[in-house]
Protein backbone atom coordinates (compact mmCIF):
# COMPACT_ATOMS: atom_id res chain seq x y z
CA MET A 1 -9.25 -116.08 -57.28
CA VAL A 2 -6.02 -113.04 -58.14
CA GLY A 3 -6.54 -112.44 -62.22
CA GLU A 4 -10.57 -114.36 -62.34
CA ALA A 5 -12.48 -112.27 -65.22
CA VAL A 6 -14.98 -110.78 -63.54
CA SER A 7 -18.16 -109.93 -65.26
CA GLY A 8 -20.20 -106.66 -66.64
CA ARG A 9 -23.47 -107.72 -63.93
CA ASP A 10 -20.97 -108.17 -60.94
CA LEU A 11 -19.28 -105.17 -61.87
CA ILE A 12 -22.77 -103.51 -61.99
CA LEU A 13 -24.07 -105.52 -58.98
CA GLY A 14 -20.93 -103.78 -57.05
CA ARG A 15 -21.28 -100.63 -57.69
CA LEU A 16 -25.00 -100.38 -56.82
CA ARG A 17 -23.93 -102.37 -53.37
CA ALA A 18 -21.14 -99.97 -52.49
CA ALA A 19 -23.63 -96.27 -53.77
CA ILE A 20 -26.06 -97.61 -51.12
CA ALA A 21 -23.36 -99.05 -48.60
CA ASP A 22 -24.28 -95.78 -46.01
CA GLY A 23 -28.41 -96.69 -46.66
CA THR A 24 -28.94 -93.30 -48.19
CA ASP A 25 -30.64 -93.35 -50.99
CA PRO A 26 -27.38 -92.09 -53.42
CA VAL A 27 -30.39 -89.96 -56.41
CA ARG A 28 -33.26 -88.62 -55.05
CA VAL A 29 -36.12 -88.24 -57.64
CA PRO A 30 -37.90 -85.32 -58.18
CA ARG A 31 -41.69 -86.47 -57.33
CA ASP A 32 -43.46 -82.70 -57.49
CA TYR A 33 -45.60 -84.48 -60.99
CA ARG A 34 -48.54 -82.43 -62.64
CA ARG A 35 -51.30 -83.93 -60.71
CA GLU A 36 -54.00 -81.03 -60.93
CA GLY A 37 -56.19 -79.77 -64.07
CA THR A 38 -59.79 -80.20 -64.72
CA ALA A 39 -61.10 -84.10 -65.84
CA ASP A 40 -62.74 -82.48 -69.35
CA LEU A 41 -65.35 -85.27 -70.16
CA ASP A 42 -65.11 -83.33 -74.00
CA LEU A 43 -61.11 -83.57 -74.21
CA LEU A 44 -61.57 -87.50 -73.16
CA VAL A 45 -64.29 -87.96 -75.52
CA GLU A 46 -62.31 -85.43 -78.81
CA ARG A 47 -58.61 -87.82 -77.45
CA LEU A 48 -61.23 -91.39 -77.78
CA THR A 49 -62.33 -90.41 -80.82
CA ASP A 50 -58.83 -89.52 -82.83
CA TYR A 51 -58.37 -92.51 -81.43
CA ARG A 52 -60.43 -95.02 -83.14
CA ALA A 53 -62.12 -95.56 -80.49
CA ARG A 54 -66.52 -94.86 -80.56
CA VAL A 55 -67.86 -93.05 -78.15
CA HIS A 56 -71.39 -93.02 -76.84
CA ARG A 57 -73.12 -90.61 -73.63
CA VAL A 58 -75.87 -92.06 -71.83
CA PRO A 59 -76.99 -92.31 -68.60
CA GLU A 60 -76.39 -95.32 -66.57
CA THR A 61 -80.13 -96.41 -67.55
CA ALA A 62 -79.00 -96.26 -70.96
CA VAL A 63 -76.38 -98.46 -70.49
CA ALA A 64 -78.11 -101.79 -71.44
CA ASP A 65 -79.72 -100.13 -74.36
CA THR A 66 -76.86 -98.90 -76.57
CA VAL A 67 -75.07 -102.98 -76.46
CA ALA A 68 -78.63 -103.61 -77.60
CA GLY A 69 -77.92 -101.07 -80.50
CA ILE A 70 -74.39 -101.74 -80.74
CA LEU A 71 -74.33 -106.05 -81.45
CA PRO A 72 -76.09 -107.67 -83.89
CA ALA A 73 -79.21 -109.71 -82.51
CA SER A 74 -78.58 -112.49 -80.62
CA ALA A 75 -74.92 -111.87 -80.03
CA THR A 76 -72.85 -113.35 -77.63
CA VAL A 77 -70.86 -111.60 -75.72
CA VAL A 78 -68.30 -112.64 -72.73
CA VAL A 79 -68.84 -110.34 -69.49
CA PRO A 80 -66.44 -110.60 -66.28
CA PRO A 81 -68.12 -111.90 -63.39
CA GLY A 82 -68.31 -108.83 -61.54
CA LEU A 83 -70.42 -106.97 -64.49
CA SER A 84 -73.46 -105.61 -63.45
CA ALA A 85 -76.81 -107.70 -65.03
CA ALA A 86 -77.96 -104.69 -65.29
CA TRP A 87 -75.38 -103.13 -68.10
CA LEU A 88 -76.98 -106.30 -69.84
CA PRO A 89 -79.73 -106.00 -72.49
CA PRO A 90 -81.54 -109.18 -72.81
CA THR A 91 -81.58 -109.70 -76.30
CA VAL A 92 -77.34 -110.77 -76.31
CA THR A 93 -75.95 -114.66 -75.25
CA ALA A 94 -73.67 -113.30 -71.69
CA LEU A 95 -70.70 -116.09 -71.24
CA ARG A 96 -69.02 -115.45 -67.34
CA ASP A 97 -66.25 -116.19 -67.35
CA ASP A 98 -65.21 -118.71 -64.67
CA GLY A 99 -62.03 -119.21 -65.96
CA LEU A 100 -62.78 -119.95 -70.12
CA ASP A 101 -60.49 -121.67 -72.46
CA ASN A 102 -59.81 -118.84 -75.48
CA ALA A 103 -61.22 -120.56 -78.21
CA ARG A 104 -64.04 -119.50 -76.50
CA ILE A 105 -63.72 -116.21 -75.51
CA ALA A 106 -62.08 -115.69 -79.94
CA ALA A 107 -65.24 -116.83 -80.49
CA ALA A 108 -67.49 -114.73 -78.70
CA ASP A 109 -69.09 -111.22 -80.45
CA GLY A 110 -67.41 -109.04 -78.20
CA VAL A 111 -66.42 -108.37 -74.19
CA VAL A 112 -67.74 -106.40 -72.44
CA THR A 113 -66.15 -104.32 -69.11
CA ALA A 114 -66.08 -101.72 -66.79
CA ALA A 115 -62.91 -99.29 -66.38
CA ALA A 116 -60.25 -98.95 -63.77
CA VAL A 117 -59.89 -95.23 -64.93
CA ALA A 118 -59.92 -93.06 -67.77
CA VAL A 119 -57.38 -90.48 -68.79
CA VAL A 120 -57.61 -87.33 -70.27
CA GLU A 121 -54.39 -86.52 -71.38
CA THR A 122 -53.86 -89.28 -73.35
CA GLY A 123 -56.90 -90.90 -74.46
CA THR A 124 -56.32 -93.77 -72.18
CA VAL A 125 -58.75 -96.53 -71.24
CA VAL A 126 -57.14 -98.07 -67.92
CA LEU A 127 -58.29 -101.61 -66.69
CA ASP A 128 -57.21 -102.84 -63.38
CA GLY A 129 -58.46 -106.44 -63.12
CA SER A 130 -60.74 -105.98 -61.36
CA PRO A 131 -64.52 -108.47 -61.02
CA ASP A 132 -66.18 -106.06 -63.43
CA GLN A 133 -63.04 -105.77 -65.93
CA GLY A 134 -61.42 -109.27 -66.10
CA ARG A 135 -58.84 -111.24 -67.19
CA ARG A 136 -56.34 -109.30 -69.34
CA VAL A 137 -57.22 -111.93 -72.27
CA LEU A 138 -61.33 -110.76 -71.81
CA SER A 139 -59.84 -107.61 -73.69
CA LEU A 140 -57.27 -109.41 -76.26
CA LEU A 141 -59.05 -112.36 -77.68
CA PRO A 142 -62.57 -110.56 -78.63
CA ASP A 143 -62.59 -108.30 -82.55
CA LEU A 144 -65.03 -105.92 -80.23
CA HIS A 145 -64.43 -104.47 -77.43
CA ILE A 146 -67.26 -102.64 -74.91
CA CYS A 147 -65.68 -100.46 -71.88
CA VAL A 148 -67.40 -98.76 -69.13
CA VAL A 149 -66.44 -95.63 -67.83
CA ARG A 150 -67.62 -93.75 -65.69
CA ALA A 151 -67.77 -90.14 -65.28
CA ALA A 152 -66.34 -90.12 -61.49
CA GLN A 153 -62.92 -92.10 -63.03
CA VAL A 154 -62.26 -89.67 -65.44
CA VAL A 155 -58.99 -88.21 -64.08
CA ALA A 156 -57.37 -85.46 -66.39
CA GLY A 157 -53.22 -86.58 -66.52
CA VAL A 158 -51.33 -90.00 -65.93
CA PRO A 159 -49.89 -89.13 -62.20
CA ALA A 160 -53.56 -88.52 -60.96
CA ALA A 161 -54.33 -91.69 -63.04
CA LEU A 162 -51.25 -93.43 -61.36
CA GLY A 163 -52.38 -92.68 -57.75
CA ARG A 164 -55.69 -94.23 -58.15
CA LEU A 165 -54.13 -97.18 -59.47
CA SER A 166 -52.27 -100.34 -58.09
CA PRO A 167 -49.11 -101.15 -59.30
CA HIS A 168 -49.86 -104.45 -57.92
CA ARG A 169 -52.82 -105.88 -60.12
CA PRO A 170 -52.26 -105.65 -63.69
CA LEU A 171 -52.68 -102.72 -65.43
CA THR A 172 -53.94 -103.07 -69.12
CA TRP A 173 -53.76 -98.97 -70.55
CA ILE A 174 -55.60 -99.10 -74.46
CA SER A 175 -56.03 -96.26 -76.92
CA GLY A 176 -58.43 -97.08 -79.53
CA PRO A 177 -58.66 -100.62 -80.83
CA SER A 178 -55.90 -102.50 -81.20
CA ALA A 179 -53.81 -101.10 -83.98
CA THR A 180 -50.14 -101.11 -86.13
CA SER A 181 -48.61 -100.11 -89.07
CA ASP A 182 -47.11 -102.67 -91.90
CA ILE A 183 -43.96 -102.76 -93.71
CA GLU A 184 -45.00 -100.35 -96.00
CA LEU A 185 -46.50 -98.08 -93.19
CA ASN A 186 -50.15 -99.06 -94.20
CA ARG A 187 -52.03 -98.95 -90.71
CA VAL A 188 -54.13 -102.02 -89.10
CA GLU A 189 -56.34 -102.74 -86.36
CA GLY A 190 -57.30 -106.18 -84.87
CA VAL A 191 -53.29 -107.65 -84.40
CA HIS A 192 -52.95 -108.14 -81.27
CA GLY A 193 -56.67 -107.16 -79.38
CA PRO A 194 -59.55 -105.64 -80.78
CA ARG A 195 -60.67 -104.35 -83.31
CA THR A 196 -63.08 -101.97 -82.65
CA LEU A 197 -63.38 -100.25 -79.18
CA HIS A 198 -66.65 -99.33 -77.73
CA VAL A 199 -66.45 -96.27 -75.08
CA ILE A 200 -69.51 -96.17 -72.99
CA LEU A 201 -69.34 -92.54 -71.27
CA LEU A 202 -71.96 -92.44 -68.36
CA SER A 203 -72.93 -88.56 -67.62
């Protein structure tokens, strides 16, 4: 209809359609990100510690003993269905997540997961929902998260990490325990995730 008002949405979509009408990319975005760099484990430990994570560097054979040392005696932990049983000490009760409800997950003493990748530059551990990492809720509700990272999963920077991750998986990027600030800028931990993060870095 002549004189009919055009909404802002229609205006923007019209411009986008016109820009790509000939099938060419109107803007060439450079993708030459810096991908090189050294996966420096010492620097990763330093960055994780700066974010108040507690880091344990051990061989894989010592994971279960390390988990036992972190948790109280007779603790109950939630674990994703694909987590290695060798990482769990006999002193804990493991609840495999086969669709556990939120109340049971939140009531556990902690959660033990693996990781997809760790980034030295940012001190970040990334989970991608694989069977040994589990659902997003597992890394949100328990007050303590123990995350096992292999040395081969450590990369120097974010571009290298993205190269190992699928954009079609649910990615969780963790830099230290959950933390925020109140109105007076006092740091408060554990508001929207685990209050305590332990990273077991396998040598």
